[in-house]
Protein backbone atom coordinates (compact mmCIF):
# COMPACT_ATOMS: atom_id res chain seq x y z
CA HIS A 1 0.00 0.00 0.00
CA GLU A 2 2.98 2.37 0.33
CA VAL A 3 3.28 2.77 -3.44
CA ILE A 4 -0.36 3.80 -3.76
CA LEU A 5 -0.02 6.37 -0.99
CA ILE A 6 3.07 7.86 -2.59
CA ILE A 7 1.37 8.19 -5.96
CA ILE A 8 -1.66 9.95 -4.53
CA THR A 9 0.56 12.46 -2.72
CA GLU A 10 2.76 13.15 -5.75
CA SER A 11 3.45 16.74 -4.75
CA PHE A 12 5.95 15.52 -2.17
CA ILE A 13 7.99 13.45 -4.62
CA ASN A 14 10.68 14.19 -7.12
CA GLU A 15 9.04 14.54 -10.54
CA ASN A 16 11.02 11.79 -12.30
CA LEU A 17 10.49 9.35 -9.46
CA THR A 18 6.77 10.13 -9.49
CA ILE A 19 6.43 9.27 -13.16
CA ASN A 20 8.41 6.04 -12.79
CA LEU A 21 6.33 4.95 -9.81
CA THR A 22 3.18 5.88 -11.68
CA GLN A 23 4.12 3.71 -14.64
CA PHE A 24 5.00 0.83 -12.32
CA TYR A 25 1.69 1.13 -10.49
CA LEU A 26 -0.24 1.25 -13.76
CA LYS A 27 1.38 -1.96 -14.96
CA MET A 28 0.46 -3.63 -11.69
CA LYS A 29 -3.12 -2.41 -11.96
CA MET A 30 -3.39 -3.65 -15.55
CA MET A 31 -2.41 -7.10 -14.38
CA GLU A 32 -4.92 -7.01 -11.50
CA PHE A 33 -7.98 -5.47 -13.14
CA ALA A 34 -9.69 -5.71 -16.51
CA PRO A 35 -13.21 -4.30 -16.90
CA LYS A 36 -16.00 -6.62 -17.99
CA GLU A 37 -19.34 -6.24 -19.72
CA LEU A 38 -21.87 -5.44 -17.02
CA PHE A 39 -24.71 -3.76 -18.94
CA ASN A 40 -28.12 -5.36 -19.47
CA LYS A 41 -28.05 -7.00 -22.90
CA ASP A 42 -31.85 -6.97 -23.10
CA ASN A 43 -31.73 -3.18 -23.49
CA LEU A 44 -29.19 -2.99 -26.29
CA VAL A 45 -29.75 -0.99 -29.45
CA ILE A 46 -28.20 -3.14 -32.18
CA ASP A 47 -26.88 -2.01 -35.55
CA ASN A 48 -28.15 -4.45 -38.18
CA GLY A 49 -27.05 -2.34 -41.14
CA SER A 50 -24.60 -3.26 -43.86
CA LYS A 51 -22.42 -0.65 -45.49
CA PRO A 52 -18.92 -1.25 -46.87
CA LEU A 53 -15.99 0.57 -45.30
CA LYS A 54 -13.02 0.82 -47.64
CA PRO A 55 -10.04 -0.56 -45.65
CA THR A 56 -7.39 1.45 -47.52
CA ILE A 57 -8.82 4.92 -46.90
CA THR A 58 -6.40 7.07 -44.90
CA SER A 59 -6.86 9.82 -42.35
CA LYS A 60 -5.32 12.27 -44.82
CA ASP A 61 -8.01 11.31 -47.34
CA ILE A 62 -10.83 12.21 -44.97
CA ILE A 63 -9.13 15.35 -43.59
CA ASN A 64 -9.10 16.76 -47.11
CA ASP A 65 -12.76 15.82 -47.57
CA MET A 66 -14.18 17.11 -44.28
CA GLY A 67 -14.32 20.81 -45.16
CA LEU A 68 -15.36 23.04 -42.28
CA GLY A 69 -17.13 21.34 -39.39
CA TRP A 70 -19.82 22.57 -36.98
CA ASN A 71 -20.50 21.54 -33.36
CA LEU A 72 -24.04 20.78 -32.20
CA GLY A 73 -23.07 22.32 -28.87
CA ASN A 74 -25.07 22.42 -25.61
CA THR A 75 -27.54 19.84 -26.92
CA LEU A 76 -26.81 16.11 -26.71
CA ASP A 77 -24.11 17.02 -24.18
CA ALA A 78 -26.53 18.93 -21.94
CA SER A 79 -27.60 17.64 -18.54
CA ASN A 80 -29.29 18.85 -15.38
CA GLY A 81 -28.29 16.14 -12.97
CA LEU A 82 -28.19 12.39 -13.39
CA LYS A 83 -30.73 9.91 -14.76
CA GLN A 84 -32.51 12.12 -17.27
CA ASP A 85 -34.85 11.16 -20.06
CA ILE A 86 -34.28 12.27 -23.65
CA ASP A 87 -35.58 15.73 -22.74
CA SER A 88 -32.03 16.49 -21.57
CA GLU A 89 -31.45 17.55 -25.18
CA THR A 90 -33.22 20.87 -24.53
CA SER A 91 -32.24 21.31 -20.87
CA TRP A 92 -29.64 23.99 -21.62
CA GLY A 93 -31.99 26.14 -23.64
CA ASN A 94 -31.47 24.96 -27.20
CA PRO A 95 -34.40 23.65 -29.27
CA ILE A 96 -34.80 20.02 -30.18
CA THR A 97 -32.61 18.97 -33.10
CA THR A 98 -34.45 18.49 -36.39
CA LYS A 99 -33.65 16.91 -39.72
CA GLU A 100 -34.19 20.30 -41.37
CA MET A 101 -31.53 21.83 -39.14
CA ILE A 102 -29.02 19.21 -40.24
CA GLU A 103 -29.90 19.69 -43.90
CA GLU A 104 -29.35 23.44 -43.52
CA LEU A 105 -25.77 22.79 -42.42
CA TYR A 106 -25.00 20.94 -45.63
CA ARG A 107 -26.83 23.51 -47.75
CA LYS A 108 -24.74 26.26 -46.18
CA GLY A 109 -21.50 24.46 -47.03
CA PHE A 110 -20.49 22.59 -43.89
CA ARG A 111 -19.28 19.05 -44.54
CA THR A 112 -18.71 17.78 -40.98
CA ILE A 113 -20.74 17.81 -37.78
CA ARG A 114 -19.47 16.99 -34.30
CA LEU A 115 -22.08 15.62 -31.92
CA PRO A 116 -20.92 16.24 -28.33
CA THR A 117 -22.82 13.59 -26.34
CA THR A 118 -23.05 12.90 -22.62
CA TRP A 119 -23.93 9.39 -21.46
CA ARG A 120 -23.70 9.21 -17.65
CA ASN A 121 -27.06 10.96 -17.13
CA HIS A 122 -28.72 8.24 -19.22
CA LEU A 123 -27.73 5.15 -17.24
CA ILE A 124 -30.84 3.25 -16.17
CA ASP A 125 -29.43 0.76 -13.65
CA GLU A 126 -26.34 0.08 -11.56
CA ASN A 127 -24.57 -1.76 -14.40
CA TYR A 128 -23.82 1.10 -16.82
CA THR A 129 -26.76 0.25 -19.08
CA ILE A 130 -27.54 3.18 -21.38
CA ASP A 131 -31.21 4.07 -21.78
CA PRO A 132 -32.18 2.58 -25.17
CA LYS A 133 -34.42 5.61 -25.81
CA TRP A 134 -31.34 7.83 -25.56
CA MET A 135 -29.25 5.59 -27.79
CA LYS A 136 -32.03 5.55 -30.40
CA ARG A 137 -32.26 9.35 -30.28
CA VAL A 138 -28.52 9.75 -30.78
CA LYS A 139 -28.67 7.19 -33.57
CA GLU A 140 -31.53 9.07 -35.25
CA ILE A 141 -29.51 12.30 -35.36
CA VAL A 142 -26.39 10.51 -36.59
CA ASP A 143 -28.45 8.96 -39.39
CA TRP A 144 -29.89 12.35 -40.40
CA CYS A 145 -26.38 13.79 -40.60
CA LEU A 146 -25.06 10.97 -42.76
CA GLU A 147 -28.11 11.09 -45.03
CA ALA A 148 -27.45 14.81 -45.52
CA GLY A 149 -23.89 14.08 -46.68
CA LEU A 150 -21.95 15.07 -43.57
CA TYR A 151 -19.07 13.43 -41.76
CA VAL A 152 -20.10 12.75 -38.15
CA ILE A 153 -17.90 12.85 -35.05
CA LEU A 154 -19.58 11.07 -32.12
CA ASN A 155 -17.97 11.38 -28.72
CA ASP A 156 -18.16 10.99 -24.94
CA HIS A 157 -18.43 14.63 -23.86
CA HIS A 158 -19.32 15.73 -20.30
CA ASP A 159 -18.62 12.46 -18.48
CA ASN A 160 -15.49 13.78 -16.75
CA ALA A 161 -16.31 13.52 -13.02
CA ASP A 162 -15.44 16.16 -10.44
CA LEU A 163 -12.43 15.71 -8.18
CA ILE A 164 -13.20 13.89 -4.94
CA GLU A 165 -10.36 14.22 -2.45
CA GLY A 166 -9.50 11.14 -0.43
CA SER A 167 -11.79 8.63 -2.11
CA SER A 168 -12.62 7.21 -5.52
CA ILE A 169 -15.46 8.49 -7.67
CA PRO A 170 -18.75 6.63 -7.10
CA TYR A 171 -20.72 4.65 -9.64
CA GLY A 172 -22.21 6.54 -12.57
CA LYS A 173 -20.25 9.77 -12.22
CA GLY A 174 -18.09 8.99 -15.26
CA TYR A 175 -14.31 8.91 -15.26
CA TYR A 176 -11.43 10.84 -13.70
CA PRO A 177 -7.77 10.73 -14.84
CA LEU A 178 -6.17 9.80 -11.54
CA LEU A 179 -4.93 6.41 -10.42
CA LYS A 180 -7.24 6.31 -7.40
CA ASP A 181 -10.19 6.46 -9.82
CA LEU A 182 -8.80 3.92 -12.26
CA GLU A 183 -11.17 1.00 -11.68
CA GLU A 184 -14.46 2.93 -11.67
CA SER A 185 -13.32 5.00 -14.66
CA GLU A 186 -12.40 1.90 -16.64
CA ARG A 187 -15.67 0.17 -15.85
CA PHE A 188 -17.60 3.22 -17.01
CA LEU A 189 -15.62 3.87 -20.20
CA PHE A 190 -15.45 0.22 -21.23
CA ASN A 191 -19.17 -0.39 -20.80
CA VAL A 192 -20.28 2.86 -22.39
CA TRP A 193 -18.07 2.44 -25.44
CA LYS A 194 -18.98 -1.22 -25.76
CA GLN A 195 -22.65 -0.26 -26.06
CA ILE A 196 -21.87 2.49 -28.57
CA THR A 197 -20.01 -0.01 -30.76
CA ILE A 198 -23.02 -2.34 -30.74
CA ALA A 199 -25.33 0.48 -31.85
CA PHE A 200 -22.91 1.79 -34.49
CA ASN A 201 -20.92 -0.68 -36.58
CA ASN A 202 -21.52 -2.26 -39.97
CA GLY A 203 -24.29 0.15 -40.87
CA TYR A 204 -21.81 3.03 -40.89
CA ASP A 205 -18.85 3.62 -43.18
CA HIS A 206 -15.84 5.93 -42.72
CA HIS A 207 -18.09 9.01 -42.53
CA LEU A 208 -18.76 8.12 -38.88
CA ILE A 209 -15.77 8.89 -36.66
CA PHE A 210 -15.53 8.04 -32.95
CA GLU A 211 -13.92 10.48 -30.50
CA GLY A 212 -13.03 8.73 -27.26
CA LEU A 213 -13.13 11.68 -24.86
CA ASN A 214 -13.79 15.41 -25.02
CA GLU A 215 -11.54 17.39 -22.65
CA PRO A 216 -10.21 14.80 -20.17
CA ARG A 217 -8.78 16.77 -17.29
CA LEU A 218 -8.32 17.17 -13.55
CA LYS A 219 -11.75 18.72 -13.17
CA GLY A 220 -12.05 20.72 -9.97
CA HIS A 221 -8.29 20.75 -9.37
CA LYS A 222 -6.35 24.02 -9.35
CA ASN A 223 -4.36 22.78 -12.35
CA GLU A 224 -7.46 21.71 -14.28
CA TRP A 225 -6.51 23.65 -17.41
CA SER A 226 -2.76 23.98 -16.95
CA LEU A 227 0.27 21.77 -17.34
CA LYS A 228 2.02 22.84 -14.18
CA ARG A 229 4.43 20.06 -13.36
CA GLY A 230 4.29 18.33 -10.03
CA SER A 231 1.06 17.66 -8.21
CA TYR A 232 -1.05 15.00 -9.94
CA LEU A 233 0.22 15.63 -13.48
CA GLY A 234 2.29 12.48 -13.97
CA GLY A 235 -0.52 10.30 -12.69
CA ALA A 236 -3.10 12.12 -14.82
CA CYS A 237 -1.16 11.60 -18.06
CA SER A 238 -0.52 7.94 -17.30
CA ALA A 239 -4.15 7.30 -16.35
CA LEU A 240 -5.39 9.07 -19.48
CA ASN A 241 -3.08 7.04 -21.72
CA LYS A 242 -4.51 3.91 -20.13
CA TYR A 243 -8.10 5.08 -20.69
CA LEU A 244 -7.40 5.79 -24.36
CA GLU A 245 -6.03 2.27 -24.80
CA LEU A 246 -9.13 0.95 -23.06
CA ILE A 247 -11.48 2.87 -25.38
CA VAL A 248 -9.73 1.67 -28.53
CA LYS A 249 -9.92 -1.97 -27.41
CA PRO A 250 -13.74 -2.48 -27.38
CA ILE A 251 -14.10 -0.45 -30.57
CA ARG A 252 -11.62 -2.60 -32.46
CA GLU A 253 -12.70 -5.89 -30.92
CA SER A 254 -16.33 -5.28 -31.82
CA GLY A 255 -15.17 -6.20 -35.32
CA GLY A 256 -16.79 -5.30 -38.60
CA ASN A 257 -16.43 -1.71 -39.71
CA ASN A 258 -15.34 -0.65 -36.22
CA SER A 259 -12.12 -2.61 -36.61
CA ARG A 260 -11.10 -0.01 -39.21
CA ARG A 261 -13.04 3.04 -38.05
CA PHE A 262 -11.19 6.30 -37.48
CA ILE A 263 -10.86 7.17 -33.79
CA MET A 264 -9.95 10.60 -32.43
CA VAL A 265 -7.83 10.59 -29.26
CA THR A 266 -7.35 13.54 -26.96
CA PRO A 267 -4.52 14.73 -24.67
CA LEU A 268 -5.15 16.25 -21.23
CA SER A 269 -7.69 19.09 -21.47
CA ALA A 270 -7.61 18.62 -25.27
CA GLY A 271 -4.99 21.34 -25.06
CA PHE A 272 -2.38 22.39 -27.59
CA GLU A 273 0.21 22.67 -24.82
CA SER A 274 -0.64 19.19 -23.58
CA ALA A 275 -0.31 17.72 -27.07
CA ILE A 276 3.14 19.26 -27.38
CA LYS A 277 4.60 19.01 -23.86
CA SER A 278 2.80 16.33 -21.82
CA ASP A 279 3.37 12.58 -21.63
CA PHE A 280 0.41 11.93 -23.94
CA GLN A 281 0.79 8.79 -26.04
CA PHE A 282 -1.25 7.40 -28.91
CA PRO A 283 -2.83 4.04 -28.09
CA ASN A 284 -1.30 1.03 -29.79
CA ASP A 285 -3.49 0.35 -32.82
CA LYS A 286 -0.91 -1.44 -34.95
CA SER A 287 -2.15 -4.89 -34.02
CA TYR A 288 -5.49 -3.96 -35.56
CA ASN A 289 -4.51 -1.75 -38.51
CA SER A 290 -1.48 -1.43 -40.76
CA ILE A 291 -2.76 1.99 -41.89
CA ASN A 292 -2.94 4.66 -39.19
CA LYS A 293 -6.57 5.05 -38.12
CA LEU A 294 -5.99 7.26 -35.08
CA ILE A 295 -6.40 11.04 -35.27
CA LEU A 296 -5.23 13.61 -32.71
CA SER A 297 -8.02 15.82 -31.36
CA VAL A 298 -7.16 19.22 -29.90
CA HIS A 299 -9.21 22.28 -28.95
CA MET A 300 -7.64 25.64 -29.77
CA TYR A 301 -9.50 28.81 -28.82
CA GLN A 302 -6.53 30.97 -29.75
CA PRO A 303 -5.35 33.60 -29.18
CA TYR A 304 -7.08 33.46 -25.80
CA ASP A 305 -7.35 37.23 -25.32
CA PHE A 306 -9.26 37.60 -28.57
CA THR A 307 -11.32 34.40 -28.56
CA MET A 308 -12.26 33.70 -24.92
CA SER A 309 -11.39 36.62 -22.65
CA LYS A 310 -14.41 38.49 -21.28
CA ASP A 311 -12.49 41.76 -21.63
CA LEU A 312 -14.49 43.51 -24.35
CA THR A 313 -11.55 45.78 -25.20
CA LEU A 314 -9.55 42.77 -26.43
CA ASN A 315 -11.52 42.67 -29.66
CA ILE A 316 -8.93 43.42 -32.38
CA PHE A 317 -7.19 40.67 -34.36
CA LYS A 318 -3.61 41.94 -34.15
CA GLU A 319 -0.68 41.03 -36.38
CA GLU A 320 1.10 39.45 -33.43
CA TYR A 321 -1.76 36.98 -33.10
CA LYS A 322 -0.99 35.69 -36.59
CA THR A 323 2.56 34.93 -35.52
CA SER A 324 1.30 33.06 -32.46
CA LEU A 325 -1.11 30.96 -34.54
CA ASP A 326 1.60 30.17 -37.08
CA GLU A 327 4.01 29.03 -34.36
CA ASN A 328 1.47 26.82 -32.60
CA PHE A 329 0.21 25.08 -35.73
CA ASN A 330 3.77 24.62 -36.96
CA LYS A 331 4.62 22.84 -33.69
CA LEU A 332 1.68 20.50 -34.09
CA TYR A 333 2.64 19.88 -37.71
CA ASP A 334 6.24 19.06 -36.83
CA LYS A 335 5.37 16.72 -33.96
CA TYR A 336 2.42 14.85 -35.48
CA ILE A 337 1.72 15.49 -39.17
CA LYS A 338 5.33 14.84 -40.15
CA GLU A 339 5.14 11.54 -38.25
CA GLY A 340 2.13 10.37 -40.22
CA TYR A 341 -0.68 11.36 -37.87
CA SER A 342 -3.61 13.59 -38.76
CA ILE A 343 -5.16 16.30 -36.59
CA ILE A 344 -8.70 17.58 -36.19
CA VAL A 345 -9.21 20.78 -34.20
CA GLY A 346 -12.44 19.59 -32.61
CA GLU A 347 -13.36 22.97 -31.16
CA PHE A 348 -12.44 26.55 -31.96
CA GLY A 349 -14.31 29.83 -32.02
CA ALA A 350 -14.28 33.47 -30.97
CA ARG A 351 -16.62 35.10 -28.47
CA ASP A 352 -18.85 37.79 -29.97
CA LYS A 353 -17.53 41.12 -28.66
CA ASN A 354 -19.41 43.33 -31.11
CA ASN A 355 -16.45 42.91 -33.47
CA LEU A 356 -17.83 41.21 -36.55
CA GLU A 357 -15.16 42.40 -38.99
CA GLU A 358 -12.33 41.40 -36.67
CA ARG A 359 -13.83 37.94 -36.12
CA ILE A 360 -14.10 37.52 -39.87
CA LYS A 361 -10.39 38.40 -40.23
CA TRP A 362 -9.45 36.07 -37.38
CA GLY A 363 -11.51 33.13 -38.64
CA LYS A 364 -10.25 33.43 -42.20
CA TYR A 365 -6.63 33.46 -41.06
CA TYR A 366 -7.16 30.71 -38.48
CA ILE A 367 -8.90 28.29 -40.85
CA GLU A 368 -6.49 28.94 -43.72
CA THR A 369 -3.61 28.23 -41.33
CA VAL A 370 -5.27 24.98 -40.25
CA ARG A 371 -5.64 23.86 -43.85
CA LYS A 372 -2.10 24.90 -44.82
CA ASN A 373 -0.92 22.58 -42.08
CA GLU A 374 -3.00 19.69 -43.46
CA MET A 375 -5.52 19.66 -40.60
CA SER A 376 -9.28 20.01 -40.33
CA CYS A 377 -11.35 22.03 -37.85
CA VAL A 378 -14.84 22.14 -36.32
CA ILE A 379 -16.25 25.46 -35.08
CA TRP A 380 -18.02 25.63 -31.72
CA ASP A 381 -21.67 26.74 -31.73
CA ASN A 382 -23.43 26.61 -28.37
CA GLY A 383 -26.57 28.39 -29.56
CA VAL A 384 -25.89 31.40 -27.31
CA PHE A 385 -26.15 34.84 -28.92
CA LYS A 386 -25.13 38.30 -27.81
CA LYS A 387 -28.17 40.40 -26.90
CA GLU A 388 -26.61 43.41 -25.17
CA VAL A 389 -23.63 45.51 -26.17
CA ASP A 390 -21.91 45.11 -22.80
CA ALA A 391 -23.20 41.67 -21.87
CA LEU A 392 -20.64 39.08 -20.80
CA GLY A 393 -21.22 35.49 -21.77
CA SER A 394 -20.11 32.59 -23.92
CA PHE A 395 -21.53 33.99 -27.14
CA TYR A 396 -20.52 31.43 -29.74
CA GLY A 397 -23.89 31.13 -31.49
CA LEU A 398 -23.93 30.97 -35.29
CA LEU A 399 -27.08 29.11 -36.37
CA HIS A 400 -30.53 30.17 -35.17
CA ARG A 401 -31.75 26.62 -34.98
CA GLU A 402 -35.50 27.16 -35.05
CA GLU A 403 -35.51 29.84 -37.75
CA LEU A 404 -32.73 28.11 -39.76
CA THR A 405 -31.00 31.43 -40.31
CA TRP A 406 -27.42 32.44 -39.60
CA GLN A 407 -26.36 35.17 -37.21
CA THR A 408 -23.99 36.56 -39.83
CA ASP A 409 -23.91 35.05 -43.30
CA GLU A 410 -20.76 36.96 -44.21
CA LEU A 411 -18.80 35.45 -41.33
CA VAL A 412 -19.99 31.88 -41.90
CA ASP A 413 -19.51 32.07 -45.68
CA THR A 414 -15.96 33.40 -45.23
CA TYR A 415 -15.10 30.59 -42.82
CA ILE A 416 -16.48 27.90 -45.12
CA LYS A 417 -14.59 29.34 -48.09
CA ALA A 418 -11.35 29.46 -46.10
CA ALA A 419 -11.58 25.71 -45.48
CA GLU A 420 -11.81 25.06 -49.22
CA LEU A 421 -8.71 26.99 -50.23
CA TYR A 422 -6.04 24.37 -49.64
């Protein structure tokens, strides 16, 4: 038990020793514990479709075909507590998703949709069984998207539990990237992803992409969004690497099209800095595929002052911001693209600060830089719109979902065109 105690109190240990002990402990845990199927098989939603998936298609092929993507934000990921019915879809204020809404995306010029989806609030027993009504609803929206001609990214979004000091997370709260939460996290992730693979397999070709996790992080910890070395970080990276391996396993071993499906994997916090500097590792997929089928997922709301800061005076897209974007995307290119991996920027966007022209300039430069570096990107739209000149809020709304009109056609059209240039 001494090793476990030392790992949990990492802040008192030399950094290198911490990481070595963490890796040792993980190997021991892997030998001791392997999650099993616990869900009720009578409640499964089963994919009985049949659609060929070309085995030789590469991630570079689809990156160049995905165009600009759009996030159905604050919708399937929304929740107001645990054990909700399918009405959770509208619990954060957005209207119910319609087929017409999806068709409008394609008509406008988007070619990819990301469906942020939360699962823990739809467990119907103590065995991680997902409510079949929820799975059918998610499946319905996925099918609409594919019928419209869109690529679809389906993920596990807000299932990152909150930090609980001194004890492991309880059943049904999701996962947490610390060693003390390893067993409950693995049970949750394994069983959730196993059920997803049963609902989505041979009926879906390469246009359906799985994204294992959204922004896996030390939620509730003071270093939740930072990479400050020391306390918890070594254990968090090691635990996350283990979770990513665990997610890939049931997807691949479900066979059929899932054995070759593209999977997006995410570093701590989905951060650029984490992708470059942390101990993040791609899961081992070589035993399943000779062609690389794993894609790095990062979120880059950059530069922060312009895109996310609530300071309304930081509303000009300066020349120095271009340099910063160039440097960051070049680093990602050098570390991953040159090594044969592809990258999708799963979320990006700029808060509305009454600065339409500047956001148009920013988005055009940002997206063109993404494409020059052989990546793809998906803009965040949470359905929240600016109503007052001095109001502070996360105003990332683009599509008025009931009216099927766009907040600013000029901005959206410019962004879509920028994704086509390279």
